[in-house]
C-alpha atoms as a PDB file:
ATOM      1  CA  MET A   1      37.624  -8.150  18.141  1.00  0.00           C
ATOM      2  CA  LYS A   2      39.395 -11.508  18.102  1.00  0.00           C
ATOM      3  CA  PHE A   3      36.034 -13.225  17.654  1.00  0.00           C
ATOM      4  CA  SER A   4      35.229 -11.456  14.369  1.00  0.00           C
ATOM      5  CA  ILE A   5      38.734 -11.998  13.038  1.00  0.00           C
ATOM      6  CA  SER A   6      38.619 -15.734  13.741  1.00  0.00           C
ATOM      7  CA  ILE A   7      35.170 -15.991  12.095  1.00  0.00           C
ATOM      8  CA  ARG A   8      36.520 -14.165   9.053  1.00  0.00           C
ATOM      9  CA  HIS A   9      39.515 -16.509   9.016  1.00  0.00           C
ATOM     10  CA  ALA A  10      37.239 -19.546   9.296  1.00  0.00           C
ATOM     11  CA  MET A  11      35.004 -18.274   6.479  1.00  0.00           C
ATOM     12  CA  ASN A  12      38.025 -17.671   4.225  1.00  0.00           C
ATOM     13  CA  HIS A  13      39.299 -21.155   4.992  1.00  0.00           C
ATOM     14  CA  LEU A  14      35.874 -22.665   4.271  1.00  0.00           C
ATOM     15  CA  ALA A  15      35.627 -20.778   0.980  1.00  0.00           C
ATOM     16  CA  LEU A  16      39.067 -22.021  -0.039  1.00  0.00           C
ATOM     17  CA  CYS A  17      38.165 -25.621   0.813  1.00  0.00           C
ATOM     18  CA  LEU A  18      34.876 -25.473  -1.094  1.00  0.00           C
ATOM     19  CA  SER A  19      36.417 -23.929  -4.196  1.00  0.00           C
ATOM     20  CA  THR A  20      39.189 -26.538  -4.154  1.00  0.00           C
ATOM     21  CA  ALA A  21      36.582 -29.293  -3.932  1.00  0.00           C
ATOM     22  CA  LEU A  22      34.634 -27.836  -6.855  1.00  0.00           C
ATOM     23  CA  ILE A  23      37.754 -27.590  -8.982  1.00  0.00           C
ATOM     24  CA  ALA A  24      38.580 -31.214  -8.186  1.00  0.00           C
ATOM     25  CA  VAL A  25      35.064 -32.444  -9.063  1.00  0.00           C
ATOM     26  CA  ALA A  26      34.490 -30.370 -12.217  1.00  0.00           C
ATOM     27  CA  PRO A  27      36.473 -32.634 -14.615  1.00  0.00           C
ATOM     28  CA  PHE A  28      34.494 -35.652 -13.437  1.00  0.00           C
ATOM     29  CA  ALA A  29      31.192 -33.856 -14.111  1.00  0.00           C
ATOM     30  CA  ALA A  30      32.355 -32.990 -17.623  1.00  0.00           C
ATOM     31  CA  GLN A  31      33.417 -36.598 -18.246  1.00  0.00           C
ATOM     32  CA  ALA A  32      30.072 -37.829 -16.930  1.00  0.00           C
ATOM     33  CA  ASN A  33      28.187 -35.524 -19.279  1.00  0.00           C
ATOM     34  CA  LYS A  34      30.293 -36.606 -22.252  1.00  0.00           C
ATOM     35  CA  ALA A  35      29.558 -40.197 -21.265  1.00  0.00           C
ATOM     36  CA  LEU A  36      25.861 -39.303 -21.112  1.00  0.00           C
ATOM     37  CA  ALA A  37      26.089 -37.859 -24.640  1.00  0.00           C
ATOM     38  CA  GLU A  38      27.863 -40.998 -25.861  1.00  0.00           C
ATOM     39  CA  LYS A  39      25.359 -43.301 -24.129  1.00  0.00           C
ATOM     40  CA  ASN A  40      22.422 -41.553 -25.776  1.00  0.00           C
ATOM     41  CA  GLY A  41      23.909 -41.436 -29.276  1.00  0.00           C
ATOM     42  CA  CYS A  42      24.322 -37.650 -29.382  1.00  0.00           C
ATOM     43  CA  LEU A  43      27.895 -37.869 -30.671  1.00  0.00           C
ATOM     44  CA  GLY A  44      26.751 -39.782 -33.744  1.00  0.00           C
ATOM     45  CA  CYS A  45      25.326 -36.522 -35.106  1.00  0.00           C
ATOM     46  CA  HIS A  46      27.084 -33.801 -33.088  1.00  0.00           C
ATOM     47  CA  ALA A  47      30.682 -32.874 -32.261  1.00  0.00           C
ATOM     48  CA  ALA A  48      32.103 -30.155 -30.053  1.00  0.00           C
ATOM     49  CA  ALA A  49      33.684 -27.994 -32.746  1.00  0.00           C
ATOM     50  CA  VAL A  50      32.531 -29.162 -36.201  1.00  0.00           C
ATOM     51  CA  LYS A  51      29.175 -29.713 -37.867  1.00  0.00           C
ATOM     52  CA  LEU A  52      28.408 -33.363 -38.536  1.00  0.00           C
ATOM     53  CA  VAL A  53      24.789 -34.265 -39.273  1.00  0.00           C
ATOM     54  CA  GLY A  54      23.685 -31.730 -36.692  1.00  0.00           C
ATOM     55  CA  PRO A  55      25.287 -28.486 -35.579  1.00  0.00           C
ATOM     56  CA  ALA A  56      28.522 -28.319 -33.617  1.00  0.00           C
ATOM     57  CA  TYR A  57      27.997 -27.857 -29.910  1.00  0.00           C
ATOM     58  CA  LYS A  58      30.004 -24.598 -30.081  1.00  0.00           C
ATOM     59  CA  ASP A  59      27.428 -23.247 -32.552  1.00  0.00           C
ATOM     60  CA  VAL A  60      24.556 -24.329 -30.320  1.00  0.00           C
ATOM     61  CA  ALA A  61      26.216 -22.596 -27.373  1.00  0.00           C
ATOM     62  CA  ALA A  62      26.695 -19.426 -29.441  1.00  0.00           C
ATOM     63  CA  LYS A  63      23.039 -19.412 -30.519  1.00  0.00           C
ATOM     64  CA  TYR A  64      21.822 -19.621 -26.918  1.00  0.00           C
ATOM     65  CA  ALA A  65      24.485 -17.296 -25.448  1.00  0.00           C
ATOM     66  CA  GLY A  66      23.105 -14.610 -23.188  1.00  0.00           C
ATOM     67  CA  GLN A  67      19.666 -16.194 -22.809  1.00  0.00           C
ATOM     68  CA  ALA A  68      18.706 -16.579 -19.166  1.00  0.00           C
ATOM     69  CA  ASP A  69      16.611 -19.679 -19.847  1.00  0.00           C
ATOM     70  CA  ALA A  70      19.059 -21.280 -22.293  1.00  0.00           C
ATOM     71  CA  THR A  71      19.515 -24.509 -20.318  1.00  0.00           C
ATOM     72  CA  GLU A  72      15.760 -25.016 -19.992  1.00  0.00           C
ATOM     73  CA  MET A  73      15.108 -24.216 -23.668  1.00  0.00           C
ATOM     74  CA  LEU A  74      17.877 -26.481 -24.936  1.00  0.00           C
ATOM     75  CA  ALA A  75      16.851 -29.331 -22.613  1.00  0.00           C
ATOM     76  CA  LYS A  76      13.278 -29.115 -23.959  1.00  0.00           C
ATOM     77  CA  SER A  77      14.588 -29.053 -27.526  1.00  0.00           C
ATOM     78  CA  ILE A  78      16.733 -32.146 -26.855  1.00  0.00           C
ATOM     79  CA  ARG A  79      13.771 -34.081 -25.468  1.00  0.00           C
ATOM     80  CA  ALA A  80      11.251 -32.897 -28.102  1.00  0.00           C
ATOM     81  CA  GLY A  81      13.500 -33.026 -31.160  1.00  0.00           C
ATOM     82  CA  GLY A  82      12.585 -30.847 -34.090  1.00  0.00           C
ATOM     83  CA  THR A  83      13.449 -29.496 -37.477  1.00  0.00           C
ATOM     84  CA  GLY A  84      14.097 -26.119 -39.009  1.00  0.00           C
ATOM     85  CA  LYS A  85      16.354 -24.576 -36.373  1.00  0.00           C
ATOM     86  CA  TRP A  86      19.540 -25.795 -38.047  1.00  0.00           C
ATOM     87  CA  GLY A  87      18.418 -26.760 -41.548  1.00  0.00           C
ATOM     88  CA  GLU A  88      16.165 -29.411 -43.001  1.00  0.00           C
ATOM     89  CA  MET A  89      17.562 -32.426 -41.145  1.00  0.00           C
ATOM     90  CA  ALA A  90      15.281 -33.365 -38.280  1.00  0.00           C
ATOM     91  CA  MET A  91      16.647 -34.148 -34.840  1.00  0.00           C
ATOM     92  CA  PRO A  92      14.761 -37.099 -33.402  1.00  0.00           C
ATOM     93  CA  ALA A  93      13.076 -36.641 -30.053  1.00  0.00           C
ATOM     94  CA  GLN A  94      14.997 -37.974 -27.074  1.00  0.00           C
ATOM     95  CA  SER A  95      11.830 -38.516 -25.046  1.00  0.00           C
ATOM     96  CA  LYS A  96      13.308 -41.441 -23.081  1.00  0.00           C
ATOM     97  CA  LEU A  97      15.948 -39.088 -21.708  1.00  0.00           C
ATOM     98  CA  SER A  98      14.934 -37.811 -18.269  1.00  0.00           C
ATOM     99  CA  GLU A  99      14.480 -34.075 -17.755  1.00  0.00           C
ATOM    100  CA  ALA A 100      17.406 -34.114 -15.335  1.00  0.00           C
ATOM    101  CA  ASP A 101      19.712 -35.777 -17.873  1.00  0.00           C
ATOM    102  CA  ALA A 102      18.505 -33.431 -20.641  1.00  0.00           C
ATOM    103  CA  LYS A 103      19.408 -30.481 -18.396  1.00  0.00           C
ATOM    104  CA  LYS A 104      22.842 -32.003 -17.688  1.00  0.00           C
ATOM    105  CA  LEU A 105      23.466 -32.386 -21.419  1.00  0.00           C
ATOM    106  CA  ALA A 106      22.195 -28.878 -22.137  1.00  0.00           C
ATOM    107  CA  ALA A 107      24.453 -27.367 -19.471  1.00  0.00           C
ATOM    108  CA  TRP A 108      27.411 -29.373 -20.785  1.00  0.00           C
ATOM    109  CA  ILE A 109      26.747 -28.225 -24.371  1.00  0.00           C
ATOM    110  CA  LEU A 110      26.282 -24.586 -23.333  1.00  0.00           C
ATOM    111  CA  GLY A 111      29.505 -24.822 -21.322  1.00  0.00           C
ATOM    112  CA  GLY A 112      31.532 -25.796 -24.368  1.00  0.00           C
ATOM    113  CA  ALA A 113      31.075 -29.591 -24.314  1.00  0.00           C
ATOM    114  CA  LYS A 114      34.474 -30.068 -22.698  1.00  0.00           C
END
């Protein structure tokens, strides 16, 4: 009986440690993704809450809300560019952006670009 209780205690402790680590790292991930957006010129046309040349990130997140493949779809759209989804202004392709970085940006945008 003691064995199962101590395993449960250890698992609870491990879960607490891991969640604390994730909470501590999360702001740095968000800052890194904002830096990635700045580095690639995204913020010249987009902002978190207001439409500039392109749509606000909050509007992009709302459009993709509830779609299981939203991150993949948005990452592909970022890399391919396009026109017609948000009006007549074309978004240039970001083909030099790696798939991994496009997915980071997509996840950041879908998460509220905070």
